[in-house]
């Protein structure tokens, strides 16, 4: 008959004393927020440029496509 391990034996064998859960520091979160904001602003600028170019060239297809992407960009953020 096999000897069953007790709970304390199982926990000791897992070496939980040296286990460190990964934690994001506040600085990491702040850096990610800055990167995300920069990417958002750049994408917004590019889409605004495309919309304006479509209006200037009277290209309805390009305008509809660019303005739809622009609306999607803001629907994701709200």
N, C-alpha and C. Protein backbone atom coordinates (compact mmCIF):
# COMPACT_ATOMS: atom_id res chain seq x y z
N UNK A 1 0.83 -1.18 0.00
CA UNK A 1 0.00 0.00 0.00
C UNK A 1 0.88 1.25 0.00
N UNK A 2 0.55 2.20 -0.89
CA UNK A 2 1.32 3.43 -0.99
C UNK A 2 1.02 4.34 0.19
N UNK A 3 2.06 5.00 0.64
CA UNK A 3 1.87 5.97 1.71
C UNK A 3 1.47 7.30 1.08
N UNK A 4 0.38 7.85 1.51
CA UNK A 4 -0.09 9.13 1.00
C UNK A 4 0.62 10.26 1.72
N UNK A 5 0.99 11.25 0.95
CA UNK A 5 1.66 12.42 1.54
C UNK A 5 0.63 13.30 2.25
N UNK A 6 1.06 13.86 3.33
CA UNK A 6 0.19 14.79 4.04
C UNK A 6 0.25 16.15 3.36
N UNK A 7 -0.68 17.00 3.73
CA UNK A 7 -0.73 18.34 3.15
C UNK A 7 0.56 19.09 3.44
N UNK A 8 1.05 19.00 4.65
CA UNK A 8 2.28 19.72 5.01
C UNK A 8 3.48 19.20 4.21
N UNK A 9 3.54 17.92 3.93
CA UNK A 9 4.63 17.37 3.12
C UNK A 9 4.55 17.88 1.69
N UNK A 10 3.37 17.94 1.17
CA UNK A 10 3.18 18.44 -0.19
C UNK A 10 3.61 19.90 -0.28
N UNK A 11 3.19 20.70 0.70
CA UNK A 11 3.54 22.12 0.69
C UNK A 11 5.04 22.33 0.86
N UNK A 12 5.69 21.52 1.68
CA UNK A 12 7.14 21.63 1.85
C UNK A 12 7.86 21.27 0.55
N UNK A 13 7.36 20.29 -0.15
CA UNK A 13 8.01 19.86 -1.39
C UNK A 13 7.87 20.89 -2.50
N UNK A 14 6.90 21.76 -2.42
CA UNK A 14 6.69 22.79 -3.45
C UNK A 14 7.66 23.95 -3.30
N UNK A 15 8.34 24.04 -2.20
CA UNK A 15 9.32 25.10 -1.97
C UNK A 15 8.67 26.48 -2.15
N UNK A 16 7.61 26.71 -1.42
CA UNK A 16 6.87 27.97 -1.56
C UNK A 16 7.56 29.15 -0.90
N UNK A 17 8.54 28.90 -0.07
CA UNK A 17 9.25 30.00 0.59
C UNK A 17 10.03 30.85 -0.42
N UNK A 18 10.57 30.22 -1.44
CA UNK A 18 11.38 30.93 -2.42
C UNK A 18 10.58 31.41 -3.62
N UNK A 19 9.29 31.17 -3.62
CA UNK A 19 8.45 31.58 -4.74
C UNK A 19 8.12 33.06 -4.61
N UNK A 20 8.37 33.79 -5.69
CA UNK A 20 8.04 35.21 -5.73
C UNK A 20 7.13 35.46 -6.92
N UNK A 21 5.94 35.91 -6.64
CA UNK A 21 4.99 36.20 -7.71
C UNK A 21 5.44 37.43 -8.47
N UNK A 22 5.31 37.41 -9.79
CA UNK A 22 5.71 38.60 -10.57
C UNK A 22 4.77 39.76 -10.25
N UNK A 23 5.36 40.92 -10.07
CA UNK A 23 4.58 42.12 -9.80
C UNK A 23 5.03 43.22 -10.74
N UNK A 24 4.05 43.91 -11.25
CA UNK A 24 4.38 45.07 -12.07
C UNK A 24 4.57 46.25 -11.13
N UNK A 25 5.61 46.96 -11.34
CA UNK A 25 5.82 48.14 -10.51
C UNK A 25 4.97 49.29 -11.06
N UNK A 26 4.79 50.28 -10.25
CA UNK A 26 4.05 51.46 -10.67
C UNK A 26 4.75 52.12 -11.85
N UNK A 27 6.06 52.09 -11.84
CA UNK A 27 6.82 52.68 -12.94
C UNK A 27 6.54 51.95 -14.25
N UNK A 28 6.47 50.61 -14.22
CA UNK A 28 6.15 49.84 -15.43
C UNK A 28 4.78 50.20 -15.97
N UNK A 29 3.83 50.34 -15.08
CA UNK A 29 2.46 50.70 -15.50
C UNK A 29 2.45 52.10 -16.10
N UNK A 30 3.16 53.02 -15.47
CA UNK A 30 3.23 54.40 -15.96
C UNK A 30 3.88 54.45 -17.35
N UNK A 31 4.95 53.71 -17.53
CA UNK A 31 5.64 53.66 -18.83
C UNK A 31 4.70 53.12 -19.90
N UNK A 32 3.95 52.07 -19.57
CA UNK A 32 3.01 51.49 -20.54
C UNK A 32 1.92 52.49 -20.89
N UNK A 33 1.46 53.24 -19.91
CA UNK A 33 0.44 54.26 -20.18
C UNK A 33 0.96 55.33 -21.14
N UNK A 34 2.20 55.73 -20.95
CA UNK A 34 2.80 56.75 -21.83
C UNK A 34 2.93 56.21 -23.26
N UNK A 35 3.37 54.97 -23.39
CA UNK A 35 3.51 54.35 -24.71
C UNK A 35 2.14 54.24 -25.39
N UNK A 36 1.15 53.77 -24.65
CA UNK A 36 -0.19 53.63 -25.21
C UNK A 36 -0.76 54.98 -25.66
N UNK A 37 -0.56 56.01 -24.84
CA UNK A 37 -1.05 57.34 -25.19
C UNK A 37 -0.34 57.87 -26.45
N UNK A 38 0.95 57.64 -26.55
CA UNK A 38 1.71 58.09 -27.72
C UNK A 38 1.23 57.39 -28.99
N UNK A 39 1.02 56.09 -28.90
CA UNK A 39 0.52 55.33 -30.06
C UNK A 39 -0.87 55.80 -30.47
N UNK A 40 -1.72 56.05 -29.48
CA UNK A 40 -3.07 56.53 -29.77
C UNK A 40 -3.03 57.88 -30.49
N UNK A 41 -2.22 58.81 -29.97
CA UNK A 41 -2.14 60.13 -30.58
C UNK A 41 -1.60 60.06 -32.01
N UNK A 42 -0.59 59.21 -32.22
CA UNK A 42 -0.01 59.08 -33.57
C UNK A 42 -1.03 58.50 -34.53
N UNK A 43 -1.75 57.47 -34.10
CA UNK A 43 -2.77 56.85 -34.95
C UNK A 43 -3.86 57.87 -35.28
N UNK A 44 -4.26 58.67 -34.30
CA UNK A 44 -5.27 59.70 -34.51
C UNK A 44 -4.80 60.73 -35.54
N UNK A 45 -3.55 61.16 -35.41
CA UNK A 45 -2.99 62.13 -36.37
C UNK A 45 -2.99 61.57 -37.79
N UNK A 46 -2.56 60.32 -37.94
CA UNK A 46 -2.52 59.70 -39.27
C UNK A 46 -3.92 59.60 -39.88
N UNK A 47 -4.89 59.22 -39.07
CA UNK A 47 -6.25 59.10 -39.59
C UNK A 47 -6.84 60.46 -39.94
N UNK A 48 -6.55 61.47 -39.14
CA UNK A 48 -7.03 62.82 -39.46
C UNK A 48 -6.42 63.31 -40.78
N UNK A 49 -5.16 62.99 -41.00
CA UNK A 49 -4.50 63.36 -42.25
C UNK A 49 -5.17 62.66 -43.44
N UNK A 50 -5.45 61.37 -43.27
CA UNK A 50 -6.11 60.63 -44.36
C UNK A 50 -7.50 61.18 -44.65
N UNK A 51 -8.25 61.51 -43.60
CA UNK A 51 -9.59 62.07 -43.80
C UNK A 51 -9.49 63.40 -44.54
N UNK A 52 -8.56 64.25 -44.11
CA UNK A 52 -8.40 65.56 -44.76
C UNK A 52 -7.96 65.42 -46.22
N UNK A 53 -7.05 64.48 -46.49
CA UNK A 53 -6.63 64.25 -47.87
C UNK A 53 -7.79 63.76 -48.72
N UNK A 54 -8.62 62.90 -48.15
CA UNK A 54 -9.78 62.40 -48.89
C UNK A 54 -10.75 63.53 -49.20
N UNK A 55 -10.94 64.44 -48.25
CA UNK A 55 -11.82 65.59 -48.49
C UNK A 55 -11.22 66.49 -49.57
N UNK A 56 -9.93 66.77 -49.46
CA UNK A 56 -9.27 67.63 -50.44
C UNK A 56 -9.33 67.06 -51.85
N UNK A 57 -9.16 65.75 -51.96
CA UNK A 57 -9.17 65.12 -53.29
C UNK A 57 -10.58 64.68 -53.71
N UNK A 58 -11.56 64.94 -52.86
CA UNK A 58 -12.96 64.56 -53.12
C UNK A 58 -13.11 63.07 -53.40
N UNK A 59 -12.34 62.27 -52.64
CA UNK A 59 -12.37 60.82 -52.78
C UNK A 59 -13.30 60.25 -51.70
N UNK A 60 -14.54 59.99 -52.12
CA UNK A 60 -15.56 59.56 -51.16
C UNK A 60 -15.23 58.19 -50.55
N UNK A 61 -14.70 57.28 -51.34
CA UNK A 61 -14.36 55.94 -50.84
C UNK A 61 -13.30 55.99 -49.75
N UNK A 62 -12.24 56.75 -50.00
CA UNK A 62 -11.17 56.91 -49.02
C UNK A 62 -11.69 57.62 -47.77
N UNK A 63 -12.56 58.61 -47.97
CA UNK A 63 -13.13 59.32 -46.83
C UNK A 63 -13.95 58.38 -45.96
N UNK A 64 -14.79 57.57 -46.56
CA UNK A 64 -15.63 56.65 -45.79
C UNK A 64 -14.78 55.64 -45.02
N UNK A 65 -13.75 55.15 -45.67
CA UNK A 65 -12.86 54.17 -45.03
C UNK A 65 -12.09 54.79 -43.85
N UNK A 66 -11.50 55.95 -44.09
CA UNK A 66 -10.70 56.61 -43.05
C UNK A 66 -11.57 57.08 -41.90
N UNK A 67 -12.74 57.61 -42.20
CA UNK A 67 -13.61 58.09 -41.12
C UNK A 67 -14.17 56.93 -40.30
N UNK A 68 -14.39 55.78 -40.94
CA UNK A 68 -14.83 54.60 -40.19
C UNK A 68 -13.74 54.13 -39.22
N UNK A 69 -12.50 54.13 -39.68
CA UNK A 69 -11.37 53.77 -38.80
C UNK A 69 -11.24 54.76 -37.66
N UNK A 70 -11.44 56.03 -37.97
CA UNK A 70 -11.36 57.08 -36.96
C UNK A 70 -12.42 56.87 -35.88
N UNK A 71 -13.64 56.56 -36.31
CA UNK A 71 -14.72 56.29 -35.34
C UNK A 71 -14.40 55.06 -34.49
N UNK A 72 -13.85 54.01 -35.12
CA UNK A 72 -13.47 52.80 -34.37
C UNK A 72 -12.43 53.11 -33.30
N UNK A 73 -11.49 53.96 -33.66
CA UNK A 73 -10.44 54.33 -32.71
C UNK A 73 -11.05 54.94 -31.45
N UNK A 74 -12.05 55.76 -31.61
CA UNK A 74 -12.65 56.40 -30.44
C UNK A 74 -13.67 55.51 -29.74
N UNK A 75 -14.24 54.55 -30.45
CA UNK A 75 -15.16 53.60 -29.80
C UNK A 75 -14.39 52.66 -28.89
N UNK A 76 -13.13 52.36 -29.22
CA UNK A 76 -12.31 51.49 -28.38
C UNK A 76 -11.93 52.17 -27.08
N UNK A 77 -11.79 53.48 -27.11
CA UNK A 77 -11.31 54.19 -25.93
C UNK A 77 -12.42 54.55 -24.96
N UNK A 78 -13.66 54.57 -25.42
CA UNK A 78 -14.74 54.98 -24.51
C UNK A 78 -15.41 53.81 -23.86
